[in-house]
Amino acid sequence: MNSITARRRHPLARYAVLLLALCLAGGAYALFSPLGEPADAAIASGKTDDVGSGKALFDEYCSSCHGLNAQGIPGRGPSLIGVGAAAVDFQVSSGRMPAANSEDAQAPRKQPADWVNQKAIDDLAAYIQSLGGGPTRPTAEQVDPAKGDPAKGGELFRANCIQCHNWTGAGGALTGGKYAPNLNQATPAQIYEAMITGPQAMPVFNDSTITPEQKRDMIAYIVKVREQTDPGGSGLGRIGPVTEGLVAWLPGLGLLSLAAIWITAKKRAKK
């Protein structure tokens, strides 16, 4: 008994106890962790095979601007570490990436590249997600306009978005050659992904600022507005009083001027 007590007082005893505790904690974690799942939670959005395929696509089509390790290249492309799968889905599905010209102030929406399909987007998104996490893609329920409230979404949209996108989502010019794009071509998923990733000059609206339910309401409003018709005639792009004023002044004053010339010319002919 005395020998055991003496060993407990040994200077190395505390380190032995600490090592034993670490081993027990590691063993318990390995025992209760789900089998067959990747240790890195960032890969949860895709299978390991998808990550490998996404890496191959990235090396071929994206690394020239973003670097072989997605660390970014100054003057050509930003780092993609931590941007998440949602950013990949938004940029690639809308044709903004790969960019045609990295020197442009803003990447425009265009037809996606020939190699882009849903499987390629899934693989590329899984690879980028595995590099450092980030916002994941929304679920089908989160972007379903039928489950949103357009009235509430309209209030939120007018409070947060009309300064740049116009009240109908028609878009508008910003500073430095940038612009807020027209939302008529954007899919519900792309609208949601833009809010959580903040592409181009757009700020990020995370879930603490605008909840997922509120985002769905805003999507419902945007979809509802784009489906509306213009029974009074041409909508003039729904840009607002600027185009309406131009139409009122230029054609209106032009017609009045022509009418005045015709009247005066008619009176002179009678004399």
Protein backbone atom coordinates (compact mmCIF):
# COMPACT_ATOMS: atom_id res chain seq x y z
CA MET A 1 0.00 0.00 0.00
CA ASN A 2 2.83 2.37 0.87
CA SER A 3 4.49 1.63 -2.48
CA ILE A 4 1.30 2.55 -4.38
CA THR A 5 0.98 5.78 -2.42
CA ALA A 6 4.60 6.58 -3.18
CA ARG A 7 4.05 6.07 -6.91
CA ARG A 8 1.02 8.42 -6.81
CA ARG A 9 3.29 11.12 -5.43
CA HIS A 10 5.84 10.60 -8.20
CA PRO A 11 6.41 13.79 -10.32
CA LEU A 12 5.42 11.94 -13.51
CA ALA A 13 2.17 10.60 -12.09
CA ARG A 14 0.14 13.64 -13.18
CA TYR A 15 1.33 13.27 -16.76
CA ALA A 16 0.44 9.59 -16.78
CA VAL A 17 -3.08 10.41 -15.57
CA LEU A 18 -3.45 13.11 -18.25
CA LEU A 19 -2.27 10.72 -20.97
CA LEU A 20 -4.68 8.06 -19.78
CA ALA A 21 -7.58 10.55 -19.82
CA LEU A 22 -6.72 11.62 -23.38
CA CYS A 23 -6.59 8.02 -24.54
CA LEU A 24 -9.95 7.26 -22.95
CA ALA A 25 -11.53 10.38 -24.54
CA GLY A 26 -10.12 9.51 -27.97
CA GLY A 27 -11.27 5.93 -27.69
CA ALA A 28 -14.77 6.98 -26.67
CA TYR A 29 -14.99 9.41 -29.60
CA ALA A 30 -13.87 6.75 -32.08
CA LEU A 31 -16.31 4.25 -30.56
CA PHE A 32 -19.40 6.47 -30.71
CA SER A 33 -18.65 8.31 -33.97
CA PRO A 34 -20.88 7.19 -36.89
CA LEU A 35 -19.06 4.74 -39.10
CA GLY A 36 -18.61 5.36 -42.79
CA GLU A 37 -18.96 9.19 -42.60
CA PRO A 38 -16.13 11.64 -43.41
CA ALA A 39 -14.37 13.06 -40.39
CA ASP A 40 -14.45 16.53 -41.94
CA ALA A 41 -17.95 17.95 -41.51
CA ALA A 42 -17.34 20.25 -44.47
CA ILE A 43 -17.61 17.25 -46.82
CA ALA A 44 -21.10 16.52 -45.54
CA SER A 45 -22.59 18.23 -48.60
CA GLY A 46 -21.12 15.62 -50.94
CA LYS A 47 -19.58 12.17 -51.07
CA THR A 48 -15.84 11.67 -51.08
CA ASP A 49 -15.98 10.66 -54.74
CA ASP A 50 -17.79 13.91 -55.53
CA VAL A 51 -15.02 15.87 -53.83
CA GLY A 52 -12.40 14.10 -55.97
CA SER A 53 -14.34 14.77 -59.16
CA GLY A 54 -14.84 18.37 -58.11
CA LYS A 55 -11.11 18.77 -57.55
CA ALA A 56 -10.45 17.55 -61.09
CA LEU A 57 -12.96 20.05 -62.50
CA PHE A 58 -11.48 22.82 -60.41
CA ASP A 59 -7.93 22.09 -61.60
CA GLU A 60 -9.04 22.17 -65.22
CA TYR A 61 -11.42 25.12 -65.32
CA CYS A 62 -10.89 27.27 -62.21
CA SER A 63 -7.30 27.01 -60.97
CA SER A 64 -5.92 29.44 -63.57
CA CYS A 65 -7.67 32.29 -61.73
CA HIS A 66 -8.18 30.94 -58.21
CA GLY A 67 -4.92 29.00 -57.75
CA LEU A 68 -4.24 25.28 -57.54
CA ASN A 69 -5.27 25.23 -53.89
CA ALA A 70 -8.14 27.73 -54.29
CA GLN A 71 -6.04 30.24 -52.38
CA GLY A 72 -6.71 32.94 -54.97
CA ILE A 73 -4.42 34.83 -57.34
CA PRO A 74 -4.09 38.61 -56.86
CA GLY A 75 -5.59 40.48 -59.78
CA ARG A 76 -7.19 37.37 -61.25
CA GLY A 77 -9.47 35.69 -58.74
CA PRO A 78 -10.22 35.68 -54.98
CA SER A 79 -9.66 32.85 -52.53
CA LEU A 80 -12.48 30.31 -52.47
CA ILE A 81 -11.60 28.83 -49.10
CA GLY A 82 -14.65 29.19 -46.88
CA VAL A 83 -17.05 30.57 -49.53
CA GLY A 84 -19.15 27.39 -49.36
CA ALA A 85 -21.18 25.31 -51.78
CA ALA A 86 -23.91 27.95 -52.09
CA ALA A 87 -21.50 30.41 -53.70
CA VAL A 88 -20.37 27.79 -56.21
CA ASP A 89 -23.92 26.90 -57.17
CA PHE A 90 -24.89 30.55 -57.61
CA GLN A 91 -21.85 31.60 -59.64
CA VAL A 92 -21.57 28.53 -61.89
CA SER A 93 -25.28 27.89 -62.50
CA SER A 94 -25.83 31.53 -63.50
CA GLY A 95 -22.87 31.47 -65.90
CA ARG A 96 -20.96 34.15 -64.01
CA MET A 97 -18.16 31.69 -63.47
CA PRO A 98 -15.92 30.84 -65.17
CA ALA A 99 -15.60 34.56 -65.95
CA ALA A 100 -14.99 35.62 -69.54
CA ASN A 101 -12.85 38.58 -68.43
CA SER A 102 -11.44 38.89 -64.94
CA GLU A 103 -10.79 42.62 -65.47
CA ASP A 104 -14.48 43.52 -65.71
CA ALA A 105 -15.97 45.39 -62.78
CA GLN A 106 -18.61 42.68 -62.44
CA ALA A 107 -19.22 39.25 -63.90
CA PRO A 108 -22.48 39.32 -65.90
CA ARG A 109 -25.08 36.58 -66.01
CA LYS A 110 -24.67 34.47 -69.16
CA GLN A 111 -25.22 31.02 -70.57
CA PRO A 112 -23.33 28.46 -68.42
CA ALA A 113 -20.19 26.90 -69.89
CA ASP A 114 -20.46 23.77 -72.05
CA TRP A 115 -19.05 21.53 -69.34
CA VAL A 116 -21.53 22.74 -66.72
CA ASN A 117 -24.35 20.39 -65.75
CA GLN A 118 -25.97 19.53 -62.44
CA LYS A 119 -23.47 16.75 -61.67
CA ALA A 120 -20.52 19.05 -62.37
CA ILE A 121 -21.99 21.75 -60.10
CA ASP A 122 -22.61 19.20 -57.34
CA ASP A 123 -19.05 17.89 -57.53
CA LEU A 124 -17.46 21.32 -57.66
CA ALA A 125 -19.62 22.52 -54.77
CA ALA A 126 -18.65 19.48 -52.68
CA TYR A 127 -14.95 20.15 -53.30
CA ILE A 128 -15.12 23.84 -52.37
CA GLN A 129 -17.22 23.01 -49.30
CA SER A 130 -14.55 20.57 -48.17
CA LEU A 131 -11.86 23.26 -48.18
CA GLY A 132 -13.20 25.31 -45.31
CA GLY A 133 -16.94 25.07 -44.92
CA GLY A 134 -19.13 28.07 -45.63
CA PRO A 135 -22.81 28.53 -46.56
CA THR A 136 -24.39 25.36 -47.89
CA ARG A 137 -27.03 25.20 -50.60
CA PRO A 138 -30.65 25.70 -49.48
CA THR A 139 -33.13 22.87 -49.36
CA ALA A 140 -36.07 22.62 -51.76
CA GLU A 141 -38.44 23.63 -48.96
CA GLN A 142 -36.45 26.76 -48.16
CA VAL A 143 -36.78 28.08 -51.73
CA ASP A 144 -40.35 27.00 -52.46
CA PRO A 145 -42.31 30.18 -53.34
CA ALA A 146 -45.61 28.40 -52.72
CA LYS A 147 -44.74 28.12 -49.02
CA GLY A 148 -43.82 31.79 -48.66
CA ASP A 149 -45.93 34.87 -47.93
CA PRO A 150 -45.60 37.42 -50.79
CA ALA A 151 -47.10 40.22 -48.66
CA LYS A 152 -44.51 39.83 -45.89
CA GLY A 153 -41.81 39.26 -48.50
CA GLY A 154 -42.74 42.52 -50.22
CA GLU A 155 -42.28 44.46 -46.98
CA LEU A 156 -38.85 42.89 -46.45
CA PHE A 157 -37.85 43.42 -50.08
CA ARG A 158 -38.81 47.10 -50.01
CA ALA A 159 -36.91 47.59 -46.76
CA ASN A 160 -33.69 45.85 -47.83
CA CYS A 161 -33.46 45.52 -51.61
CA ILE A 162 -35.24 48.21 -53.64
CA GLN A 163 -32.36 50.67 -53.19
CA CYS A 164 -30.39 48.58 -55.67
CA HIS A 165 -32.77 46.15 -57.38
CA ASN A 166 -35.82 48.41 -57.87
CA TRP A 167 -39.19 47.53 -56.31
CA THR A 168 -39.89 44.97 -59.06
CA GLY A 169 -36.39 43.47 -59.11
CA ALA A 170 -35.52 45.12 -62.43
CA GLY A 171 -32.05 46.06 -61.20
CA GLY A 172 -30.11 49.29 -61.53
CA ALA A 173 -26.71 50.94 -61.80
CA LEU A 174 -24.25 51.19 -58.90
CA THR A 175 -20.91 52.93 -58.53
CA GLY A 176 -17.61 51.86 -60.08
CA GLY A 177 -19.16 50.22 -63.12
CA LYS A 178 -21.08 47.71 -61.00
CA TYR A 179 -24.81 47.12 -61.10
CA ALA A 180 -27.62 45.28 -59.35
CA PRO A 181 -28.78 42.60 -61.81
CA ASN A 182 -32.31 42.01 -63.00
CA LEU A 183 -33.90 39.25 -60.91
CA ASN A 184 -36.35 38.02 -63.55
CA GLN A 185 -33.99 35.27 -64.73
CA ALA A 186 -32.79 34.23 -61.29
CA THR A 187 -34.14 30.95 -59.92
CA PRO A 188 -35.49 30.79 -56.35
CA ALA A 189 -32.35 28.89 -55.30
CA GLN A 190 -30.09 31.52 -56.85
CA ILE A 191 -31.97 34.31 -55.06
CA TYR A 192 -31.56 32.53 -51.72
CA GLU A 193 -27.88 31.79 -52.39
CA ALA A 194 -27.21 35.42 -53.32
CA MET A 195 -28.61 36.54 -49.97
CA ILE A 196 -26.41 34.20 -47.93
CA THR A 197 -23.19 34.64 -49.94
CA GLY A 198 -23.26 38.31 -51.00
CA PRO A 199 -21.92 38.08 -54.57
CA GLN A 200 -20.39 41.08 -56.36
CA ALA A 201 -21.43 44.31 -54.57
CA MET A 202 -24.31 42.69 -52.70
CA PRO A 203 -24.13 42.54 -48.86
CA VAL A 204 -24.57 39.26 -46.99
CA PHE A 205 -27.95 38.70 -45.33
CA ASN A 206 -27.23 35.86 -42.93
CA ASP A 207 -29.89 34.02 -40.94
CA SER A 208 -29.53 36.35 -37.96
CA THR A 209 -30.35 39.34 -40.20
CA ILE A 210 -33.07 37.75 -42.34
CA THR A 211 -34.34 34.34 -41.23
CA PRO A 212 -34.74 31.45 -43.69
CA GLU A 213 -38.52 31.86 -43.48
CA GLN A 214 -38.23 35.55 -44.34
CA LYS A 215 -35.94 34.74 -47.25
CA ARG A 216 -38.60 32.37 -48.57
CA ASP A 217 -41.20 35.13 -48.22
CA MET A 218 -38.99 37.46 -50.26
CA ILE A 219 -38.59 34.81 -52.95
CA ALA A 220 -42.37 34.41 -53.05
CA TYR A 221 -42.72 38.17 -53.57
CA ILE A 222 -40.14 38.32 -56.37
CA VAL A 223 -41.73 35.38 -58.18
CA LYS A 224 -45.21 36.89 -57.74
CA VAL A 225 -44.16 40.25 -59.17
CA ARG A 226 -42.42 38.77 -62.19
CA GLU A 227 -45.56 36.82 -63.05
CA GLN A 228 -47.74 39.94 -63.10
CA THR A 229 -48.86 41.37 -66.44
CA ASP A 230 -49.04 45.01 -67.55
CA PRO A 231 -52.72 45.46 -68.52
CA GLY A 232 -52.29 49.20 -69.15
CA GLY A 233 -49.74 48.71 -71.93
CA SER A 234 -45.98 48.46 -72.01
CA GLY A 235 -44.28 48.19 -68.63
CA LEU A 236 -41.23 50.10 -69.95
CA GLY A 237 -38.97 47.68 -68.14
CA ARG A 238 -40.68 48.55 -64.82
CA ILE A 239 -37.69 50.73 -64.03
CA GLY A 240 -39.87 53.52 -62.69
CA PRO A 241 -40.34 57.28 -63.23
CA VAL A 242 -37.13 57.73 -65.24
CA THR A 243 -38.32 55.84 -68.32
CA GLU A 244 -41.88 57.02 -67.80
CA GLY A 245 -40.67 60.63 -67.74
CA LEU A 246 -38.62 60.15 -70.90
CA VAL A 247 -41.63 58.72 -72.71
CA ALA A 248 -43.82 61.57 -71.48
CA TRP A 249 -41.36 64.29 -72.48
CA LEU A 250 -39.79 63.07 -75.70
CA PRO A 251 -42.73 61.48 -77.58
CA GLY A 252 -45.25 63.75 -75.86
CA LEU A 253 -43.47 67.02 -76.60
CA GLY A 254 -42.58 65.74 -80.08
CA LEU A 255 -46.23 65.09 -80.90
CA LEU A 256 -47.26 68.49 -79.50
CA SER A 257 -44.59 70.20 -81.59
CA LEU A 258 -45.72 68.40 -84.74
CA ALA A 259 -49.33 69.32 -83.97
CA ALA A 260 -48.39 73.00 -83.55
CA ILE A 261 -46.46 73.00 -86.84
CA TRP A 262 -49.36 71.36 -88.66
CA ILE A 263 -51.89 73.85 -87.27
CA THR A 264 -49.81 76.91 -88.15
CA ALA A 265 -49.00 75.54 -91.60
CA LYS A 266 -52.73 74.94 -92.24
CA LYS A 267 -53.63 78.52 -91.27
CA ARG A 268 -50.95 79.94 -93.58
CA ALA A 269 -52.24 77.84 -96.48
CA LYS A 270 -55.74 79.33 -96.06
CA LYS A 271 -54.40 82.89 -96.30
